[in-house]
């Protein structure tokens, strides 16, 4: 099992920034591509970003391109999501997830999930 624990969520005004962290334990973190997803009540979980096992390749959902940055520190077993220029529509529960070896874009392709952290952006 790979345990994932997110942190860093909170309340921020529109235009502000937050940095989410996801700490992993239990298995070899560097064997897993990592992703961030988000979900609002009544809607499907939405892809936000993914990063390769080495951190050299990243992809983003269209709604966050140019504003969010995913990164990882394999020495610290942690993946980050830097969120800038936040908008009220970014309000959601944010989840990190792990997929064996390759970057993935769909919820069903991820093997492990964290419990989520709430991000609320006020207008």
C-alpha atoms as a PDB file:
ATOM      1  CA  UNK A   1       0.000   0.000   0.000  1.00  0.00           C
ATOM      2  CA  UNK A   2       1.031   3.548  -0.701  1.00  0.00           C
ATOM      3  CA  UNK A   3      -0.412   6.006   1.788  1.00  0.00           C
ATOM      4  CA  UNK A   4      -1.013   9.571   0.604  1.00  0.00           C
ATOM      5  CA  UNK A   5      -1.757  12.516   2.876  1.00  0.00           C
ATOM      6  CA  UNK A   6      -2.621  15.935   1.459  1.00  0.00           C
ATOM      7  CA  UNK A   7      -2.172  19.229   3.259  1.00  0.00           C
ATOM      8  CA  UNK A   8      -2.124  22.938   2.528  1.00  0.00           C
ATOM      9  CA  UNK A   9      -5.739  23.577   1.660  1.00  0.00           C
ATOM     10  CA  UNK A  10      -7.685  26.493   3.071  1.00  0.00           C
ATOM     11  CA  UNK A  11      -9.568  29.682   2.341  1.00  0.00           C
ATOM     12  CA  UNK A  12      -8.043  32.255   0.009  1.00  0.00           C
ATOM     13  CA  UNK A  13      -9.284  35.295  -1.852  1.00  0.00           C
ATOM     14  CA  UNK A  14      -9.580  35.325  -5.618  1.00  0.00           C
ATOM     15  CA  UNK A  15      -6.227  36.135  -7.190  1.00  0.00           C
ATOM     16  CA  UNK A  16      -4.323  34.585  -4.319  1.00  0.00           C
ATOM     17  CA  UNK A  17      -2.114  31.524  -4.109  1.00  0.00           C
ATOM     18  CA  UNK A  18      -1.943  28.253  -2.238  1.00  0.00           C
ATOM     19  CA  UNK A  19       0.531  25.397  -2.242  1.00  0.00           C
ATOM     20  CA  UNK A  20      -0.771  21.900  -1.684  1.00  0.00           C
ATOM     21  CA  UNK A  21       1.488  19.088  -0.538  1.00  0.00           C
ATOM     22  CA  UNK A  22       0.983  15.342  -0.662  1.00  0.00           C
ATOM     23  CA  UNK A  23       3.262  13.160   1.442  1.00  0.00           C
ATOM     24  CA  UNK A  24       3.644   9.515   0.486  1.00  0.00           C
ATOM     25  CA  UNK A  25       4.689   6.524   2.539  1.00  0.00           C
ATOM     26  CA  UNK A  26       4.634   2.759   2.431  1.00  0.00           C
ATOM     27  CA  UNK A  27       6.091   2.030  -1.001  1.00  0.00           C
ATOM     28  CA  UNK A  28       8.796   3.371  -3.303  1.00  0.00           C
ATOM     29  CA  UNK A  29       7.490   6.804  -4.182  1.00  0.00           C
ATOM     30  CA  UNK A  30       9.756   7.218  -7.201  1.00  0.00           C
ATOM     31  CA  UNK A  31       8.049   4.273  -8.933  1.00  0.00           C
ATOM     32  CA  UNK A  32       4.795   6.189  -9.152  1.00  0.00           C
ATOM     33  CA  UNK A  33       3.647   8.948 -11.423  1.00  0.00           C
ATOM     34  CA  UNK A  34       1.552  11.375  -9.415  1.00  0.00           C
ATOM     35  CA  UNK A  35      -1.572  13.313 -10.150  1.00  0.00           C
ATOM     36  CA  UNK A  36      -3.850  15.927  -8.678  1.00  0.00           C
ATOM     37  CA  UNK A  37      -7.613  15.854  -9.138  1.00  0.00           C
ATOM     38  CA  UNK A  38     -10.414  17.956  -7.733  1.00  0.00           C
ATOM     39  CA  UNK A  39     -14.083  17.447  -7.055  1.00  0.00           C
ATOM     40  CA  UNK A  40     -17.070  19.566  -6.155  1.00  0.00           C
ATOM     41  CA  UNK A  41     -20.304  18.102  -4.787  1.00  0.00           C
ATOM     42  CA  UNK A  42     -22.507  16.639  -7.453  1.00  0.00           C
ATOM     43  CA  UNK A  43     -19.796  16.591 -10.103  1.00  0.00           C
ATOM     44  CA  UNK A  44     -17.272  14.051 -11.306  1.00  0.00           C
ATOM     45  CA  UNK A  45     -13.698  14.168 -10.125  1.00  0.00           C
ATOM     46  CA  UNK A  46     -11.721  16.386 -12.515  1.00  0.00           C
ATOM     47  CA  UNK A  47      -8.142  15.931 -13.691  1.00  0.00           C
ATOM     48  CA  UNK A  48      -5.883  18.826 -12.666  1.00  0.00           C
ATOM     49  CA  UNK A  49      -2.269  17.802 -13.251  1.00  0.00           C
ATOM     50  CA  UNK A  50       0.111  14.886 -13.502  1.00  0.00           C
ATOM     51  CA  UNK A  51       3.867  14.455 -13.219  1.00  0.00           C
ATOM     52  CA  UNK A  52       6.196  11.672 -14.298  1.00  0.00           C
ATOM     53  CA  UNK A  53       8.239   9.551 -11.908  1.00  0.00           C
ATOM     54  CA  UNK A  54      11.350  11.708 -12.395  1.00  0.00           C
ATOM     55  CA  UNK A  55       9.481  15.002 -12.530  1.00  0.00           C
ATOM     56  CA  UNK A  56      10.685  15.795 -16.028  1.00  0.00           C
ATOM     57  CA  UNK A  57       7.270  15.659 -17.669  1.00  0.00           C
ATOM     58  CA  UNK A  58       4.033  17.286 -16.626  1.00  0.00           C
ATOM     59  CA  UNK A  59       0.529  17.782 -18.013  1.00  0.00           C
ATOM     60  CA  UNK A  60      -2.344  19.993 -16.937  1.00  0.00           C
ATOM     61  CA  UNK A  61      -6.046  20.264 -17.338  1.00  0.00           C
ATOM     62  CA  UNK A  62      -7.149  23.092 -19.599  1.00  0.00           C
ATOM     63  CA  UNK A  63      -8.807  25.010 -16.782  1.00  0.00           C
ATOM     64  CA  UNK A  64      -5.565  25.337 -14.790  1.00  0.00           C
ATOM     65  CA  UNK A  65      -2.889  25.657 -17.481  1.00  0.00           C
ATOM     66  CA  UNK A  66      -0.641  28.636 -16.877  1.00  0.00           C
ATOM     67  CA  UNK A  67      -1.836  29.043 -13.277  1.00  0.00           C
ATOM     68  CA  UNK A  68      -0.986  25.766 -11.520  1.00  0.00           C
ATOM     69  CA  UNK A  69       2.356  23.983 -11.334  1.00  0.00           C
ATOM     70  CA  UNK A  70       2.915  20.396 -10.243  1.00  0.00           C
ATOM     71  CA  UNK A  71       6.298  19.334  -8.904  1.00  0.00           C
ATOM     72  CA  UNK A  72       7.784  16.538  -6.825  1.00  0.00           C
ATOM     73  CA  UNK A  73      10.687  15.884  -4.499  1.00  0.00           C
ATOM     74  CA  UNK A  74      11.509  12.185  -4.531  1.00  0.00           C
ATOM     75  CA  UNK A  75      13.965  12.605  -1.663  1.00  0.00           C
ATOM     76  CA  UNK A  76      11.075  13.842   0.487  1.00  0.00           C
ATOM     77  CA  UNK A  77       8.433  11.502  -0.978  1.00  0.00           C
ATOM     78  CA  UNK A  78       6.257  14.515  -1.651  1.00  0.00           C
ATOM     79  CA  UNK A  79       4.363  15.994  -4.579  1.00  0.00           C
ATOM     80  CA  UNK A  80       3.238  19.614  -4.677  1.00  0.00           C
ATOM     81  CA  UNK A  81       0.648  21.693  -6.450  1.00  0.00           C
ATOM     82  CA  UNK A  82       1.378  25.393  -6.592  1.00  0.00           C
ATOM     83  CA  UNK A  83      -1.831  27.247  -7.367  1.00  0.00           C
ATOM     84  CA  UNK A  84      -1.635  30.875  -8.455  1.00  0.00           C
ATOM     85  CA  UNK A  85      -4.229  33.368  -9.684  1.00  0.00           C
ATOM     86  CA  UNK A  86      -6.940  31.378  -7.967  1.00  0.00           C
ATOM     87  CA  UNK A  87     -10.538  31.802  -9.056  1.00  0.00           C
ATOM     88  CA  UNK A  88     -13.783  31.006  -7.228  1.00  0.00           C
ATOM     89  CA  UNK A  89     -14.349  28.171  -9.684  1.00  0.00           C
ATOM     90  CA  UNK A  90     -11.202  26.499  -8.348  1.00  0.00           C
ATOM     91  CA  UNK A  91     -13.090  25.811  -5.130  1.00  0.00           C
ATOM     92  CA  UNK A  92     -13.116  22.035  -4.604  1.00  0.00           C
ATOM     93  CA  UNK A  93     -11.701  19.177  -2.617  1.00  0.00           C
ATOM     94  CA  UNK A  94      -8.270  18.424  -4.046  1.00  0.00           C
ATOM     95  CA  UNK A  95      -6.955  14.876  -4.117  1.00  0.00           C
ATOM     96  CA  UNK A  96      -3.532  13.526  -4.896  1.00  0.00           C
ATOM     97  CA  UNK A  97      -3.187  10.119  -6.497  1.00  0.00           C
ATOM     98  CA  UNK A  98      -0.480   7.669  -7.524  1.00  0.00           C
ATOM     99  CA  UNK A  99      -0.225   5.575 -10.681  1.00  0.00           C
ATOM    100  CA  UNK A 100       2.366   2.892 -11.307  1.00  0.00           C
ATOM    101  CA  UNK A 101       5.208   4.211 -13.503  1.00  0.00           C
ATOM    102  CA  UNK A 102       3.301   6.260 -16.116  1.00  0.00           C
ATOM    103  CA  UNK A 103       1.430   9.539 -16.119  1.00  0.00           C
ATOM    104  CA  UNK A 104      -2.316   9.036 -16.261  1.00  0.00           C
ATOM    105  CA  UNK A 105      -5.257  11.323 -16.895  1.00  0.00           C
ATOM    106  CA  UNK A 106      -8.281   9.326 -15.790  1.00  0.00           C
ATOM    107  CA  UNK A 107      -9.521   8.631 -12.286  1.00  0.00           C
ATOM    108  CA  UNK A 108      -9.766   4.901 -12.935  1.00  0.00           C
ATOM    109  CA  UNK A 109      -6.104   4.615 -13.916  1.00  0.00           C
ATOM    110  CA  UNK A 110      -4.784   5.615 -10.483  1.00  0.00           C
ATOM    111  CA  UNK A 111      -3.946   3.035  -7.863  1.00  0.00           C
ATOM    112  CA  UNK A 112      -3.867   5.045  -4.636  1.00  0.00           C
ATOM    113  CA  UNK A 113      -5.654   8.147  -3.391  1.00  0.00           C
ATOM    114  CA  UNK A 114      -5.345  10.550  -0.527  1.00  0.00           C
ATOM    115  CA  UNK A 115      -8.236  11.700   1.627  1.00  0.00           C
ATOM    116  CA  UNK A 116      -8.433  15.148   0.032  1.00  0.00           C
ATOM    117  CA  UNK A 117      -7.975  18.720   1.195  1.00  0.00           C
ATOM    118  CA  UNK A 118     -10.526  21.508   0.846  1.00  0.00           C
ATOM    119  CA  UNK A 119      -9.655  24.618  -1.160  1.00  0.00           C
ATOM    120  CA  UNK A 120     -12.095  27.506  -1.023  1.00  0.00           C
ATOM    121  CA  UNK A 121     -11.617  30.629  -3.110  1.00  0.00           C
ATOM    122  CA  UNK A 122     -13.753  33.608  -2.171  1.00  0.00           C
ATOM    123  CA  UNK A 123     -14.730  36.298  -4.670  1.00  0.00           C
END
